[in-house]
Amino acid sequence: MRFKSKAQRRKFAELLVKGEITPDAYERWNRDTGRAELPERVKRTATKRKAKSKTKSKRNLKSNPNAKVTGKARKPTRTRSKARRKAKRRATRRS
């Protein structure tokens, strides 16, 4: 691995002095970095935000019954349609 910033290099040097890392580990990181010009600090990368759902929550609908609901209507689940087919078969067998 290589150091990403000057601050990281200083932190590892501090850990080396405290004895929390071995001199060999510090040298390996330092060797991999070489003479690269490092920034003072590196900012964290931005994380993606969760997409908001298109439908309004049930809680909002209870508090405001006139609220407009957006989005597609839900399709019936497979288990419901399967149950309907079974009931239809039973009805045709009896007659």
Protein backbone atom coordinates (compact mmCIF):
# COMPACT_ATOMS: atom_id res chain seq x y z
CA MET A 1 0.00 0.00 0.00
CA ARG A 2 1.02 3.59 -0.30
CA PHE A 3 0.28 6.64 1.81
CA LYS A 4 -2.61 8.77 0.56
CA SER A 5 -1.68 11.99 2.34
CA LYS A 6 0.98 13.72 4.41
CA ALA A 7 -1.31 13.48 7.45
CA GLN A 8 -1.48 9.70 7.07
CA ARG A 9 2.30 9.49 6.82
CA ARG A 10 2.64 11.53 10.04
CA LYS A 11 0.10 9.31 11.81
CA PHE A 12 2.00 6.16 10.85
CA ALA A 13 5.26 7.74 12.03
CA GLU A 14 3.58 8.47 15.36
CA LEU A 15 2.36 4.86 15.60
CA LEU A 16 5.91 3.69 14.83
CA VAL A 17 7.31 5.78 17.70
CA LYS A 18 4.65 4.39 20.07
CA GLY A 19 5.51 0.88 18.95
CA GLU A 20 2.01 0.06 17.64
CA ILE A 21 3.34 -0.87 14.18
CA THR A 22 6.61 -2.50 13.19
CA PRO A 23 9.42 -0.55 11.50
CA ASP A 24 9.17 -3.03 8.64
CA ALA A 25 5.49 -2.14 8.00
CA TYR A 26 6.26 1.60 8.02
CA GLU A 27 9.17 1.14 5.63
CA ARG A 28 7.05 -0.97 3.27
CA TRP A 29 4.37 1.76 3.08
CA ASN A 30 7.01 4.47 2.72
CA ARG A 31 8.81 2.57 -0.05
CA ASP A 32 5.57 2.04 -2.00
CA THR A 33 4.78 5.77 -1.83
CA GLY A 34 8.21 6.83 -3.07
CA ARG A 35 8.74 10.52 -3.83
CA ALA A 36 5.12 11.16 -4.78
CA GLU A 37 3.80 14.64 -3.99
CA LEU A 38 1.05 13.97 -1.46
CA PRO A 39 -1.79 16.30 -0.52
CA GLU A 40 -1.97 17.52 3.08
CA ARG A 41 -5.32 15.79 3.63
CA VAL A 42 -7.67 13.65 1.56
CA LYS A 43 -11.40 14.27 1.67
CA ARG A 44 -13.87 11.42 1.98
CA THR A 45 -15.77 10.41 -1.11
CA ALA A 46 -19.44 11.33 -1.21
CA THR A 47 -21.89 8.52 -0.57
CA LYS A 48 -24.98 7.98 -2.69
CA ARG A 49 -28.28 9.03 -1.19
CA LYS A 50 -31.24 6.68 -1.09
CA ALA A 51 -33.92 7.40 -3.66
CA LYS A 52 -37.22 8.57 -2.23
CA SER A 53 -40.21 6.33 -2.85
CA LYS A 54 -42.78 7.62 -5.31
CA THR A 55 -45.84 6.71 -3.23
CA LYS A 56 -46.89 8.56 -0.12
CA SER A 57 -46.70 6.69 3.14
CA LYS A 58 -49.83 5.36 4.85
CA ARG A 59 -49.18 7.63 7.81
CA ASN A 60 -49.38 10.72 5.56
CA LEU A 61 -52.61 9.47 3.99
CA LYS A 62 -54.24 8.99 7.40
CA SER A 63 -53.37 12.51 8.50
CA ASN A 64 -54.40 14.05 5.16
CA PRO A 65 -57.06 11.98 3.35
CA ASN A 66 -57.18 14.48 0.45
CA ALA A 67 -53.51 13.93 -0.38
CA LYS A 68 -52.87 12.82 -3.94
CA VAL A 69 -51.19 9.44 -4.28
CA THR A 70 -48.71 9.17 -7.12
CA GLY A 71 -47.20 6.07 -8.66
CA LYS A 72 -48.49 2.91 -10.31
CA ALA A 73 -51.22 0.72 -8.89
CA ARG A 74 -49.97 -2.52 -7.38
CA LYS A 75 -50.44 -5.71 -9.35
CA PRO A 76 -52.02 -8.67 -7.56
CA THR A 77 -49.47 -11.07 -6.17
CA ARG A 78 -48.95 -14.49 -7.67
CA THR A 79 -50.26 -16.27 -4.60
CA ARG A 80 -53.61 -14.51 -4.90
CA SER A 81 -54.00 -15.37 -8.59
CA LYS A 82 -52.92 -18.94 -7.88
CA ALA A 83 -55.62 -19.22 -5.22
CA ARG A 84 -58.19 -17.88 -7.70
CA ARG A 85 -57.20 -20.51 -10.27
CA LYS A 86 -57.56 -23.27 -7.69
CA ALA A 87 -61.02 -22.03 -6.71
CA LYS A 88 -62.04 -21.90 -10.37
CA ARG A 89 -60.89 -25.51 -10.89
CA ARG A 90 -62.90 -26.68 -7.88
CA ALA A 91 -65.99 -24.90 -9.16
CA THR A 92 -65.70 -26.50 -12.63
CA ARG A 93 -65.21 -30.00 -11.15
CA ARG A 94 -68.37 -29.76 -9.05
CA SER A 95 -70.64 -28.77 -11.91
